[in-house]
Amino acid sequence: MMNSKALLALAMVTFGALSAANAAAGTFVYCSEGSPRTFNPQMGSDGPTFNASSRTIYNRLVDFEKGGTKVVPSLAESWTTSKNKLEVTFKLRKGVEFQSTPWFKPTRPFNADDVVFTFNRMLKKDHPFNRVNGGVFEYFTSMEMDKLVTEVKKVDDYTVTFVLSRPETPFLANMGMDFASILSAEYGAKVLAAKTPEKIDLEPVGTGPFQLVRYEKDSQIRYEAHPKYFQGKNKIDKLVFAITVDPSVRSQKLKRGECQLVAEPSVMDLAGLKKELSVSVMEREGLNVGYLAINVEKKPFGDRRVREALAKALNRKTYLDAIYQGQAMLAKNPIPPSMWSYNKATKDVEQDVAGAKKLLADAGYPNGFETTLWYMPVSRPYNPNAKKMAEMMQADLAAVGVKVKLVSYEWGTYLDKARKGEHDLLLIGWTGDNGDPDNFLGTLLSCAAVTGGSNYSRWCNKEFDKLVTEARQAPDMKKRTELYTKAQEVFKRELPWVTLAHAKAFRAMDKRVKGYVMSPFGTDSFYGVEL
C-alpha cells in the first residue's frame, strides 16, 4: 500500500496531467448543476437553461456590463426613445455572423428580420412558431410584455422600432434579459419548410461565442468556439458542461482536475476548497431570495390565517445554520436588502407554535390537515440543500398538526409542474436578471405572472398588482421606490410566500482560470475566459 506522501505525489501528477491535457486541447470543463430544460432561452426561467443557451449560443440587443447591472450595447449599437416614451428604436450592428453548424449554414448576417422574427414568435398567437414545443414563454408573459409591446417594426435592415402601449421604465433593462435572445429567422424558415419546426429549440443556432456540438441529457454538453464571433473568437476552443447534480461531487471533480470551474459548490465544502492550493473560491452577495411558495388556489391555503400559521410554525433561523452554514441572511421581503426600494420597516413573522395552532383552529383546522411539500432536486444559490430543508419543515409543521408528504421530480419536470400549479407547497427561489425590483415583484407576484407561470403561489392581489403596475410606469426612481415600498407591505400582510433566505453566491475554480467574473444574476458566461 502506498504511504500518504506517495499518494499525494501521484494525485498531483495525475491532476497536472489532466490539467495539461485540457489546456493543450484548448478545452474548458464546467461542472454545471443540472440539465437545461431547452436550448431556447425564450422558453426557460432557470440558471442551467440560461447557462447552456443564452450565455453560450445567443446574444441580445443589449447586455449588462461584465459583473454589473449597467446596460451596454450588444447586437444593437445604440438606441433612442421617443419623447412620449412609446417607441424605442434600436440601431443594429452590421457584420454579425450566425453560427454555421452541421444542421444549418447561414447565407446572410444578422439583421432586423431576426429581431422581428424573435419577438413576434412570443408576441403573435398566429406566428408559425408560437405554439411549437409547447409555446410557453414564461418571462414574456409574466412581465406582460405581450401587452406592453404592440408592434416590432422593421424600419430598414439595421433599424428596428418597438412600439409600446404605455411607458415602461425598466424596458431597456428587460431587453438585456435571457428571454430576449435573438434567433435566426433564416434558420426558422428552413426548419419550417422541412416540417421540423421543433428543431429550432433543440438544435439551436445563434450569434453567440459558442456553438452547440452535442448534448447528452443529464451527462454533458459540448460546444466549440464560434470562429466568426463578432467580438472576436474566444480563447477557449472547446467548452464542456459536465452535468453533475451533487454539489459535493462537483467539488471533488474540481480537486481532481476534471473540471476547471464548478457552479454552486456546497457550503459544506467551502472550507476544504479554500485550503486547496490549486483552487480559488469566489463569492459575492447574492441578488436572490429563497422562499416557500404557498399555492393559494389549493385548499386550505386561500385562507390568509392558514398561510400565517405556516409561517409561524417554521423555525427559519435554524435553516440558516443547517442549510446555509451561516452564508445567508434571513429573508423578510421578496427582494434582497441590497436592492433599491427595499422596505426596511416591514415586520417579519416570528416562530410561534402556539400562535400557529390558534390560527389553524380559527380557520377551522384544530387538528391540522394533510398536504404535500415539493423540494428541488438540484442545489441553487438561494437553497443549496432543498431536501434537507424540506425535512426540517416537515418536522416543524408536524408540531402544529400539519402532516406533510415530501415530493420531488427531475428538475425540468419540477419546474413544468410547478408552473402549472400542481403543487401545494413548493420550495423555490429567484436570482434577479436585471437589477430592477420589478424583476422580483412583478415577475414573481403579479397577476399576469400567474398566467405566465412564474407566480408559483398563484396569488393575484389587485392592490399589489396596481402598485407594481404603476411603479413600472413611473418615470423616476423616487416615485417607483414609494410604490414598491407599499407593495412589499401588501405582500407581508397577505403572505403568499414564507420568505426564507438571501444567500451569498459562490464559485470555485482552478487557480489558472483567468477572465472569469461572477455575475450578479447567478449565471455563468465563458466569453473571455482562459486557462
Protein backbone atom coordinates (compact mmCIF):
# COMPACT_ATOMS: atom_id res chain seq x y z
CA MET A 1 0.00 0.00 0.00
CA MET A 2 1.31 3.47 -0.83
CA ASN A 3 2.03 5.84 2.01
CA SER A 4 0.28 9.21 2.23
CA LYS A 5 3.20 11.12 0.65
CA ALA A 6 3.27 8.76 -2.32
CA LEU A 7 -0.47 9.07 -2.79
CA LEU A 8 -0.23 12.85 -2.64
CA ALA A 9 2.58 12.85 -5.20
CA LEU A 10 0.56 10.59 -7.52
CA ALA A 11 -2.52 12.80 -7.13
CA MET A 12 -0.50 15.89 -8.03
CA VAL A 13 0.98 14.19 -11.09
CA THR A 14 -2.49 12.99 -12.16
CA PHE A 15 -4.00 16.43 -11.64
CA GLY A 16 -1.18 18.02 -13.60
CA ALA A 17 -1.59 15.57 -16.46
CA LEU A 18 -5.34 16.10 -16.67
CA SER A 19 -5.00 19.87 -16.48
CA ALA A 20 -2.21 19.91 -19.06
CA ALA A 21 -4.27 17.75 -21.41
CA ASN A 22 -7.24 20.09 -21.11
CA ALA A 23 -5.08 23.17 -21.61
CA ALA A 24 -3.28 21.68 -24.58
CA ALA A 25 -6.56 20.81 -26.23
CA GLY A 26 -7.95 24.27 -25.51
CA THR A 27 -10.79 22.63 -23.61
CA PHE A 28 -12.52 24.17 -20.60
CA VAL A 29 -14.73 21.92 -18.46
CA TYR A 30 -17.52 23.45 -16.37
CA CYS A 31 -19.22 21.29 -13.76
CA SER A 32 -22.79 22.51 -14.04
CA GLU A 33 -25.57 21.70 -11.59
CA GLY A 34 -28.34 20.50 -13.86
CA SER A 35 -29.59 19.83 -17.37
CA PRO A 36 -31.18 22.60 -19.43
CA ARG A 37 -34.92 22.42 -19.99
CA THR A 38 -34.44 23.65 -23.57
CA PHE A 39 -31.85 25.34 -25.76
CA ASN A 40 -34.16 28.29 -26.38
CA PRO A 41 -33.97 30.83 -23.51
CA GLN A 42 -37.31 32.31 -24.60
CA MET A 43 -38.87 29.24 -23.01
CA GLY A 44 -36.66 28.99 -19.93
CA SER A 45 -36.57 30.54 -16.48
CA ASP A 46 -33.74 28.71 -14.71
CA GLY A 47 -29.98 29.07 -14.43
CA PRO A 48 -29.00 25.72 -16.02
CA THR A 49 -31.06 26.57 -19.11
CA PHE A 50 -29.68 30.09 -19.42
CA ASN A 51 -26.08 28.97 -18.90
CA ALA A 52 -26.45 26.32 -21.59
CA SER A 53 -28.22 28.56 -24.11
CA SER A 54 -28.36 32.35 -23.74
CA ARG A 55 -24.92 32.60 -22.07
CA THR A 56 -23.23 30.50 -24.76
CA ILE A 57 -25.19 30.25 -28.00
CA TYR A 58 -27.04 33.58 -28.22
CA ASN A 59 -26.79 37.35 -27.86
CA ARG A 60 -29.36 40.03 -27.12
CA LEU A 61 -29.83 43.57 -28.45
CA VAL A 62 -28.32 44.88 -25.23
CA ASP A 63 -26.34 43.27 -22.47
CA PHE A 64 -25.10 44.08 -18.97
CA GLU A 65 -21.55 45.10 -18.23
CA LYS A 66 -19.43 42.20 -17.04
CA GLY A 67 -20.10 41.64 -13.35
CA GLY A 68 -22.61 44.51 -13.11
CA THR A 69 -26.10 45.74 -13.96
CA LYS A 70 -25.35 48.64 -16.30
CA VAL A 71 -26.95 48.22 -19.75
CA VAL A 72 -24.41 48.21 -22.60
CA PRO A 73 -24.68 47.67 -26.38
CA SER A 74 -24.57 44.19 -27.89
CA LEU A 75 -26.35 43.31 -31.14
CA ALA A 76 -27.69 46.87 -31.07
CA GLU A 77 -25.01 49.56 -31.27
CA SER A 78 -27.31 52.29 -29.96
CA TRP A 79 -30.94 53.13 -29.16
CA THR A 80 -33.25 56.11 -28.81
CA THR A 81 -36.57 56.62 -27.04
CA SER A 82 -39.32 58.89 -28.40
CA LYS A 83 -40.48 61.89 -26.36
CA ASN A 84 -43.74 60.17 -25.44
CA LYS A 85 -41.76 57.07 -24.29
CA LEU A 86 -43.86 54.85 -26.56
CA GLU A 87 -41.25 54.00 -29.18
CA VAL A 88 -37.77 52.58 -28.63
CA THR A 89 -35.63 52.36 -31.75
CA PHE A 90 -32.50 50.19 -31.97
CA LYS A 91 -29.69 50.66 -34.48
CA LEU A 92 -28.32 47.20 -35.18
CA ARG A 93 -24.71 46.14 -35.50
CA LYS A 94 -23.62 45.20 -39.01
CA GLY A 95 -21.50 42.20 -39.97
CA VAL A 96 -22.64 39.87 -37.18
CA GLU A 97 -22.46 36.26 -38.37
CA PHE A 98 -24.73 33.44 -37.26
CA GLN A 99 -23.13 30.13 -36.35
CA SER A 100 -22.54 27.56 -39.06
CA THR A 101 -23.46 24.08 -37.79
CA PRO A 102 -23.98 20.62 -39.29
CA TRP A 103 -27.71 21.37 -39.36
CA PHE A 104 -27.60 24.93 -40.74
CA LYS A 105 -25.37 27.07 -42.96
CA PRO A 106 -26.38 30.75 -42.89
CA THR A 107 -26.38 32.72 -46.14
CA ARG A 108 -26.60 36.20 -44.59
CA PRO A 109 -25.54 38.05 -41.44
CA PHE A 110 -27.82 39.10 -38.58
CA ASN A 111 -30.32 41.84 -39.44
CA ALA A 112 -33.68 43.33 -38.49
CA ASP A 113 -35.61 40.30 -39.81
CA ASP A 114 -34.14 38.22 -36.99
CA VAL A 115 -35.27 40.69 -34.32
CA VAL A 116 -38.81 40.83 -35.72
CA PHE A 117 -38.94 37.03 -36.02
CA THR A 118 -37.70 36.51 -32.46
CA PHE A 119 -40.17 38.80 -30.73
CA ASN A 120 -43.15 38.06 -32.96
CA ARG A 121 -42.78 34.39 -32.06
CA MET A 122 -43.62 35.32 -28.46
CA LEU A 123 -45.97 38.18 -29.29
CA LYS A 124 -48.26 36.88 -32.03
CA LYS A 125 -50.54 33.92 -31.45
CA ASP A 126 -50.75 33.25 -35.21
CA HIS A 127 -46.98 33.14 -35.64
CA PRO A 128 -45.97 29.75 -37.09
CA PHE A 129 -43.59 29.13 -34.16
CA ASN A 130 -45.79 30.45 -31.35
CA ARG A 131 -47.06 27.02 -30.22
CA VAL A 132 -44.00 24.99 -31.20
CA ASN A 133 -42.61 22.91 -28.32
CA GLY A 134 -45.44 23.99 -26.05
CA GLY A 135 -45.34 27.69 -26.77
CA VAL A 136 -44.82 28.76 -23.15
CA PHE A 137 -42.84 32.00 -22.87
CA GLU A 138 -42.81 32.35 -19.11
CA TYR A 139 -40.85 35.57 -18.75
CA PHE A 140 -42.50 37.33 -21.68
CA THR A 141 -45.99 36.65 -20.36
CA SER A 142 -45.22 37.09 -16.67
CA MET A 143 -43.73 40.52 -17.36
CA GLU A 144 -46.76 41.43 -19.52
CA MET A 145 -44.52 42.05 -22.49
CA ASP A 146 -47.33 40.63 -24.62
CA LYS A 147 -49.48 43.58 -23.50
CA LEU A 148 -46.69 46.15 -23.49
CA VAL A 149 -45.27 45.57 -26.99
CA THR A 150 -47.87 46.31 -29.64
CA GLU A 151 -45.57 46.05 -32.66
CA VAL A 152 -41.99 45.28 -33.63
CA LYS A 153 -41.32 47.30 -36.79
CA LYS A 154 -38.51 46.79 -39.26
CA VAL A 155 -37.53 50.30 -40.37
CA ASP A 156 -34.69 49.05 -42.56
CA ASP A 157 -32.27 46.12 -42.50
CA TYR A 158 -30.43 47.54 -39.49
CA THR A 159 -33.09 49.54 -37.66
CA VAL A 160 -35.93 48.15 -35.53
CA THR A 161 -38.57 50.05 -33.55
CA PHE A 162 -40.52 48.60 -30.62
CA VAL A 163 -43.92 50.29 -30.26
CA LEU A 164 -45.21 50.22 -26.68
CA SER A 165 -48.73 50.54 -25.33
CA ARG A 166 -47.50 52.54 -22.32
CA PRO A 167 -44.27 53.98 -20.93
CA GLU A 168 -42.18 51.26 -19.29
CA THR A 169 -39.20 52.43 -17.27
CA PRO A 170 -37.41 49.04 -16.99
CA PHE A 171 -37.96 48.17 -20.68
CA LEU A 172 -34.34 48.60 -21.75
CA ALA A 173 -33.01 46.51 -18.83
CA ASN A 174 -35.61 43.85 -19.64
CA MET A 175 -34.24 43.66 -23.20
CA GLY A 176 -30.92 42.51 -21.77
CA MET A 177 -32.52 39.51 -20.08
CA ASP A 178 -32.03 35.96 -21.34
CA PHE A 179 -35.54 35.56 -22.78
CA ALA A 180 -34.74 38.36 -25.27
CA SER A 181 -32.01 36.31 -27.01
CA ILE A 182 -32.12 36.66 -30.80
CA LEU A 183 -32.92 33.68 -33.03
CA SER A 184 -32.21 33.26 -36.74
CA ALA A 185 -35.23 33.96 -38.97
CA GLU A 186 -33.46 32.20 -41.86
CA TYR A 187 -32.99 29.05 -39.77
CA GLY A 188 -36.63 29.27 -38.71
CA ALA A 189 -37.74 29.37 -42.34
CA LYS A 190 -35.57 26.33 -43.13
CA VAL A 191 -36.91 24.06 -40.36
CA LEU A 192 -40.47 25.22 -41.06
CA ALA A 193 -40.14 24.33 -44.74
CA ALA A 194 -38.72 20.93 -43.73
CA LYS A 195 -41.72 20.42 -41.43
CA THR A 196 -39.41 20.08 -38.42
CA PRO A 197 -40.09 23.37 -36.61
CA GLU A 198 -39.31 21.80 -33.22
CA LYS A 199 -35.62 21.72 -34.16
CA ILE A 200 -35.32 25.48 -33.67
CA ASP A 201 -35.28 24.89 -29.89
CA LEU A 202 -33.43 21.56 -29.91
CA GLU A 203 -30.67 22.17 -32.46
CA PRO A 204 -30.02 25.86 -31.80
CA VAL A 205 -28.35 28.49 -33.94
CA GLY A 206 -27.35 31.88 -32.59
CA THR A 207 -24.74 34.61 -32.90
CA GLY A 208 -23.08 33.84 -29.54
CA PRO A 209 -19.47 32.93 -28.66
CA PHE A 210 -20.05 29.15 -28.60
CA GLN A 211 -22.00 26.81 -30.85
CA LEU A 212 -23.53 23.51 -29.82
CA VAL A 213 -21.77 20.31 -30.89
CA ARG A 214 -23.51 17.59 -28.87
CA TYR A 215 -25.86 17.17 -25.92
CA GLU A 216 -26.16 14.02 -23.83
CA LYS A 217 -29.05 14.54 -21.43
CA ASP A 218 -28.08 14.58 -17.75
CA SER A 219 -24.47 13.88 -18.74
CA GLN A 220 -22.70 16.55 -20.78
CA ILE A 221 -22.98 19.36 -23.32
CA ARG A 222 -20.17 20.02 -25.78
CA TYR A 223 -19.55 23.32 -27.54
CA GLU A 224 -16.87 24.76 -29.73
CA ALA A 225 -15.89 28.39 -30.19
CA HIS A 226 -17.81 30.32 -32.85
CA PRO A 227 -14.96 31.21 -35.25
CA LYS A 228 -16.71 34.30 -36.63
CA TYR A 229 -17.99 35.71 -33.34
CA PHE A 230 -18.43 39.47 -33.73
CA GLN A 231 -16.43 40.31 -30.60
CA GLY A 232 -13.58 38.00 -31.64
CA LYS A 233 -13.08 34.25 -31.39
CA ASN A 234 -12.96 33.02 -27.81
CA LYS A 235 -9.66 31.87 -26.30
CA ILE A 236 -11.31 28.59 -25.30
CA ASP A 237 -11.57 26.31 -28.34
CA LYS A 238 -13.87 23.77 -26.72
CA LEU A 239 -16.27 24.16 -23.82
CA VAL A 240 -17.76 21.18 -21.98
CA PHE A 241 -20.59 21.26 -19.45
CA ALA A 242 -20.18 18.20 -17.20
CA ILE A 243 -23.68 17.94 -15.69
CA THR A 244 -23.19 16.98 -12.05
CA VAL A 245 -26.22 17.35 -9.79
CA ASP A 246 -24.47 16.58 -6.49
CA PRO A 247 -22.56 19.69 -5.32
CA SER A 248 -20.02 17.68 -3.33
CA VAL A 249 -19.23 15.57 -6.38
CA ARG A 250 -18.67 18.80 -8.34
CA SER A 251 -16.15 19.89 -5.73
CA GLN A 252 -14.35 16.55 -5.89
CA LYS A 253 -14.14 16.79 -9.67
CA LEU A 254 -12.56 20.21 -9.34
CA LYS A 255 -9.99 18.90 -6.87
CA ARG A 256 -9.15 16.03 -9.24
CA GLY A 257 -8.71 18.39 -12.17
CA GLU A 258 -11.73 17.00 -14.03
CA CYS A 259 -13.25 20.45 -14.35
CA GLN A 260 -11.92 23.99 -14.13
CA LEU A 261 -14.95 25.72 -12.62
CA VAL A 262 -17.89 24.49 -10.55
CA ALA A 263 -21.33 26.01 -10.17
CA GLU A 264 -22.80 26.37 -6.70
CA PRO A 265 -20.26 24.47 -4.59
CA SER A 266 -21.79 23.10 -1.41
CA VAL A 267 -21.37 25.43 1.55
CA MET A 268 -20.24 22.32 3.45
CA ASP A 269 -17.27 22.04 1.07
CA LEU A 270 -16.16 25.68 1.05
CA ALA A 271 -13.68 25.43 3.92
CA GLY A 272 -11.98 22.43 2.33
CA LEU A 273 -11.89 24.05 -1.10
CA LYS A 274 -10.26 27.18 0.30
CA LYS A 275 -7.42 25.03 1.64
CA GLU A 276 -6.69 23.52 -1.78
CA LEU A 277 -3.55 25.06 -3.27
CA SER A 278 -4.85 24.66 -6.82
CA VAL A 279 -8.33 26.10 -6.16
CA SER A 280 -9.68 29.60 -5.67
CA VAL A 281 -13.13 30.38 -4.25
CA MET A 282 -15.07 33.48 -5.30
CA GLU A 283 -18.09 34.91 -3.51
CA ARG A 284 -20.44 37.86 -3.74
CA GLU A 285 -23.69 38.96 -2.17
CA GLY A 286 -26.47 37.17 -3.98
CA LEU A 287 -29.21 39.12 -5.72
CA ASN A 288 -31.61 36.38 -4.73
CA VAL A 289 -34.36 35.10 -2.46
CA GLY A 290 -35.27 31.57 -1.42
CA TYR A 291 -38.88 31.02 -0.40
CA LEU A 292 -41.72 28.61 0.27
CA ALA A 293 -44.48 29.29 -2.26
CA ILE A 294 -47.98 28.62 -0.91
CA ASN A 295 -50.43 27.74 -3.66
CA VAL A 296 -53.45 29.88 -2.76
CA GLU A 297 -55.59 28.08 -5.35
CA LYS A 298 -55.40 24.88 -3.28
CA LYS A 299 -57.41 24.42 -0.10
CA PRO A 300 -56.88 25.48 2.65
CA PHE A 301 -54.20 27.93 1.51
CA GLY A 302 -56.61 30.52 0.16
CA ASP A 303 -57.22 31.43 3.82
CA ARG A 304 -54.68 34.02 4.94
CA ARG A 305 -54.81 32.64 8.51
CA VAL A 306 -53.55 29.27 7.30
CA ARG A 307 -50.67 30.93 5.45
CA GLU A 308 -49.71 32.87 8.56
CA ALA A 309 -49.93 29.69 10.62
CA LEU A 310 -47.42 28.01 8.30
CA ALA A 311 -45.08 30.98 8.62
CA LYS A 312 -45.34 30.90 12.41
CA ALA A 313 -44.75 27.15 12.53
CA LEU A 314 -41.39 27.29 10.76
CA ASN A 315 -38.17 27.84 12.69
CA ARG A 316 -36.45 29.60 9.81
CA LYS A 317 -33.40 30.67 11.81
CA THR A 318 -32.35 27.05 12.29
CA TYR A 319 -32.39 26.62 8.50
CA LEU A 320 -29.74 29.30 8.10
CA ASP A 321 -27.29 27.32 10.21
CA ALA A 322 -28.15 23.85 8.94
CA ILE A 323 -28.61 24.61 5.24
CA TYR A 324 -26.54 27.72 4.55
CA GLN A 325 -23.83 27.29 7.20
CA GLY A 326 -24.16 30.96 8.08
CA GLN A 327 -23.64 32.09 4.45
CA ALA A 328 -27.08 33.68 4.17
CA MET A 329 -29.35 36.11 5.96
CA LEU A 330 -32.97 35.65 6.96
CA ALA A 331 -35.30 36.95 4.26
CA LYS A 332 -38.06 39.31 5.30
CA ASN A 333 -39.18 40.78 1.98
CA PRO A 334 -39.43 39.29 -1.52
CA ILE A 335 -36.49 41.42 -2.73
CA PRO A 336 -32.96 41.36 -1.28
CA PRO A 337 -31.87 44.22 1.03
CA SER A 338 -29.16 45.33 -1.41
CA MET A 339 -31.82 46.30 -3.96
CA TRP A 340 -33.18 49.82 -4.13
CA SER A 341 -36.75 50.23 -2.79
CA TYR A 342 -36.21 47.52 -0.13
CA ASN A 343 -38.69 48.20 2.70
CA LYS A 344 -36.80 48.12 6.00
CA ALA A 345 -39.95 48.90 8.00
CA THR A 346 -41.97 45.76 7.24
CA LYS A 347 -42.48 43.43 10.19
CA ASP A 348 -41.34 39.84 9.83
CA VAL A 349 -43.24 36.78 11.10
CA GLU A 350 -41.54 35.10 14.06
CA GLN A 351 -41.90 31.45 15.03
CA ASP A 352 -44.83 30.98 17.41
CA VAL A 353 -46.10 27.39 17.66
CA ALA A 354 -48.99 28.25 19.97
CA GLY A 355 -49.99 31.13 17.71
CA ALA A 356 -49.85 28.87 14.67
CA LYS A 357 -52.15 26.31 16.31
CA LYS A 358 -54.65 29.03 17.26
CA LEU A 359 -54.71 30.39 13.70
CA LEU A 360 -55.36 26.91 12.33
CA ALA A 361 -58.17 26.37 14.85
CA ASP A 362 -59.69 29.76 13.94
CA ALA A 363 -59.55 28.76 10.27
CA GLY A 364 -61.42 25.52 11.01
CA TYR A 365 -58.45 23.13 11.27
CA PRO A 366 -57.99 22.49 15.00
CA ASN A 367 -56.44 19.11 14.23
CA GLY A 368 -54.38 20.35 11.31
CA PHE A 369 -54.55 18.81 7.82
CA GLU A 370 -52.52 16.81 5.31
CA THR A 371 -50.65 18.33 2.38
CA THR A 372 -47.58 17.93 0.15
CA LEU A 373 -44.32 19.85 0.11
CA TRP A 374 -42.23 19.82 -3.06
CA TYR A 375 -38.45 20.24 -2.85
CA MET A 376 -35.95 20.92 -5.63
CA PRO A 377 -33.72 18.07 -6.85
CA VAL A 378 -30.81 20.45 -7.54
CA SER A 379 -28.76 22.86 -5.47
CA ARG A 380 -29.40 26.51 -6.22
CA PRO A 381 -27.69 29.60 -4.76
CA TYR A 382 -30.87 30.54 -2.89
CA ASN A 383 -31.25 26.99 -1.49
CA PRO A 384 -28.20 24.69 -1.52
CA ASN A 385 -29.99 21.69 0.03
CA ALA A 386 -33.74 21.75 -0.55
CA LYS A 387 -34.26 18.14 0.56
CA LYS A 388 -32.77 18.76 3.98
CA MET A 389 -34.78 21.96 4.35
CA ALA A 390 -37.98 20.11 3.40
CA GLU A 391 -37.29 17.51 6.07
CA MET A 392 -36.79 20.23 8.69
CA MET A 393 -40.00 21.94 7.58
CA GLN A 394 -41.84 18.64 7.73
CA ALA A 395 -40.89 18.30 11.40
CA ASP A 396 -41.81 21.91 12.21
CA LEU A 397 -45.21 21.62 10.54
CA ALA A 398 -45.94 18.30 12.25
CA ALA A 399 -45.61 20.11 15.57
CA VAL A 400 -48.70 22.21 14.71
CA GLY A 401 -50.70 19.28 13.27
CA VAL A 402 -49.89 19.74 9.58
CA LYS A 403 -48.83 16.38 8.14
CA VAL A 404 -46.59 16.83 5.13
CA LYS A 405 -45.67 14.36 2.39
CA LEU A 406 -42.40 15.26 0.66
CA VAL A 407 -42.32 15.20 -3.15
CA SER A 408 -39.65 15.85 -5.77
CA TYR A 409 -39.14 15.43 -9.52
CA GLU A 410 -36.39 15.78 -12.10
CA TRP A 411 -35.56 19.50 -12.42
CA GLY A 412 -37.27 20.16 -15.74
CA THR A 413 -40.38 18.23 -14.70
CA TYR A 414 -40.36 20.01 -11.33
CA LEU A 415 -40.45 23.42 -12.99
CA ASP A 416 -43.04 22.43 -15.58
CA LYS A 417 -45.43 21.01 -12.98
CA ALA A 418 -44.91 23.97 -10.66
CA ARG A 419 -45.60 26.41 -13.49
CA LYS A 420 -48.97 24.67 -13.99
CA GLY A 421 -49.78 24.98 -10.27
CA GLU A 422 -49.87 21.26 -9.48
CA HIS A 423 -48.12 21.68 -6.11
CA ASP A 424 -49.44 22.56 -2.65
CA LEU A 425 -46.28 23.93 -1.02
CA LEU A 426 -43.18 24.50 -3.12
CA LEU A 427 -39.56 25.23 -2.27
CA ILE A 428 -38.18 27.53 -4.94
CA GLY A 429 -36.33 30.81 -5.29
CA TRP A 430 -35.15 33.50 -7.63
CA THR A 431 -31.97 35.25 -8.68
CA GLY A 432 -32.50 38.66 -10.27
CA ASP A 433 -31.99 39.14 -14.00
CA ASN A 434 -31.52 42.88 -14.38
CA GLY A 435 -31.17 44.68 -11.04
CA ASP A 436 -34.69 46.14 -11.12
CA PRO A 437 -37.26 45.48 -8.33
CA ASP A 438 -39.90 44.73 -10.95
CA ASN A 439 -37.91 41.63 -11.86
CA PHE A 440 -38.87 40.25 -8.44
CA LEU A 441 -42.16 41.93 -7.54
CA GLY A 442 -43.71 41.94 -10.99
CA THR A 443 -42.21 38.80 -12.49
CA LEU A 444 -42.90 36.62 -9.44
CA LEU A 445 -46.03 38.06 -7.83
CA SER A 446 -48.15 39.92 -10.39
CA CYS A 447 -51.49 38.64 -11.65
CA ALA A 448 -50.00 38.29 -15.14
CA ALA A 449 -47.31 36.05 -13.68
CA VAL A 450 -49.99 33.55 -12.61
CA THR A 451 -50.83 33.01 -16.28
CA GLY A 452 -47.18 33.25 -17.28
CA GLY A 453 -46.24 30.56 -14.80
CA SER A 454 -43.59 32.31 -12.69
CA ASN A 455 -46.02 33.21 -9.88
CA TYR A 456 -45.81 29.89 -8.05
CA SER A 457 -48.12 30.98 -5.25
CA ARG A 458 -50.84 31.63 -7.86
CA TRP A 459 -51.61 34.78 -5.82
CA CYS A 460 -53.38 37.63 -7.63
CA ASN A 461 -53.95 40.63 -5.39
CA LYS A 462 -55.45 43.69 -7.11
CA GLU A 463 -53.99 46.16 -4.63
CA PHE A 464 -50.49 44.74 -5.01
CA ASP A 465 -50.86 44.47 -8.78
CA LYS A 466 -51.92 48.12 -9.12
CA LEU A 467 -48.92 49.32 -7.13
CA VAL A 468 -46.45 47.27 -9.15
CA THR A 469 -48.00 48.31 -12.47
CA GLU A 470 -47.85 51.99 -11.52
CA ALA A 471 -44.25 51.60 -10.36
CA ARG A 472 -43.29 50.06 -13.69
CA GLN A 473 -44.59 53.14 -15.50
CA ALA A 474 -43.38 55.82 -13.06
CA PRO A 475 -40.67 58.00 -14.64
CA ASP A 476 -38.35 58.46 -11.66
CA MET A 477 -36.79 56.25 -9.01
CA LYS A 478 -38.25 58.21 -6.10
CA LYS A 479 -41.84 57.53 -7.18
CA ARG A 480 -41.05 53.93 -8.09
CA THR A 481 -39.46 53.38 -4.68
CA GLU A 482 -42.56 54.73 -2.91
CA LEU A 483 -44.82 52.35 -4.85
CA TYR A 484 -42.62 49.28 -4.44
CA THR A 485 -42.32 50.00 -0.72
CA LYS A 486 -46.11 49.91 -0.41
CA ALA A 487 -46.28 46.74 -2.49
CA GLN A 488 -43.98 45.00 -0.02
CA GLU A 489 -46.33 46.00 2.81
CA VAL A 490 -49.21 44.30 0.99
CA PHE A 491 -47.05 41.21 0.46
CA LYS A 492 -46.19 40.95 4.16
CA ARG A 493 -49.83 41.39 5.12
CA GLU A 494 -51.09 38.67 2.77
CA LEU A 495 -48.16 36.20 3.00
CA PRO A 496 -48.33 34.30 -0.31
CA TRP A 497 -44.80 33.10 0.49
CA VAL A 498 -42.81 32.26 3.54
CA THR A 499 -39.59 34.12 2.78
CA LEU A 500 -36.54 32.07 3.77
CA ALA A 501 -33.11 33.42 2.87
CA HIS A 502 -30.94 35.76 0.84
CA ALA A 503 -27.82 33.69 0.22
CA LYS A 504 -24.29 34.52 -0.81
CA ALA A 505 -23.27 33.14 -4.19
CA PHE A 506 -20.08 31.11 -4.63
CA ARG A 507 -17.94 29.75 -7.44
CA ALA A 508 -14.86 27.57 -7.11
CA MET A 509 -12.28 27.25 -9.86
CA ASP A 510 -8.83 26.18 -10.89
CA LYS A 511 -6.43 28.99 -9.97
CA ARG A 512 -5.20 29.07 -13.57
CA VAL A 513 -8.57 30.33 -14.77
CA LYS A 514 -8.33 33.92 -15.99
CA GLY A 515 -11.03 36.32 -17.14
CA TYR A 516 -13.97 34.81 -15.28
CA VAL A 517 -16.21 37.32 -13.47
CA MET A 518 -19.12 36.37 -11.24
CA SER A 519 -22.44 37.74 -12.45
CA PRO A 520 -24.89 39.33 -10.01
CA PHE A 521 -27.58 37.38 -11.86
CA GLY A 522 -26.23 33.95 -10.90
CA THR A 523 -25.46 32.85 -14.46
CA ASP A 524 -22.08 31.80 -15.87
CA SER A 525 -20.55 33.23 -19.04
CA PHE A 526 -17.33 31.94 -20.57
CA TYR A 527 -16.51 34.51 -23.23
CA GLY A 528 -13.10 35.97 -22.37
CA VAL A 529 -12.25 33.10 -20.02
CA GLU A 530 -8.98 31.21 -20.48
CA LEU A 531 -6.54 28.94 -18.67
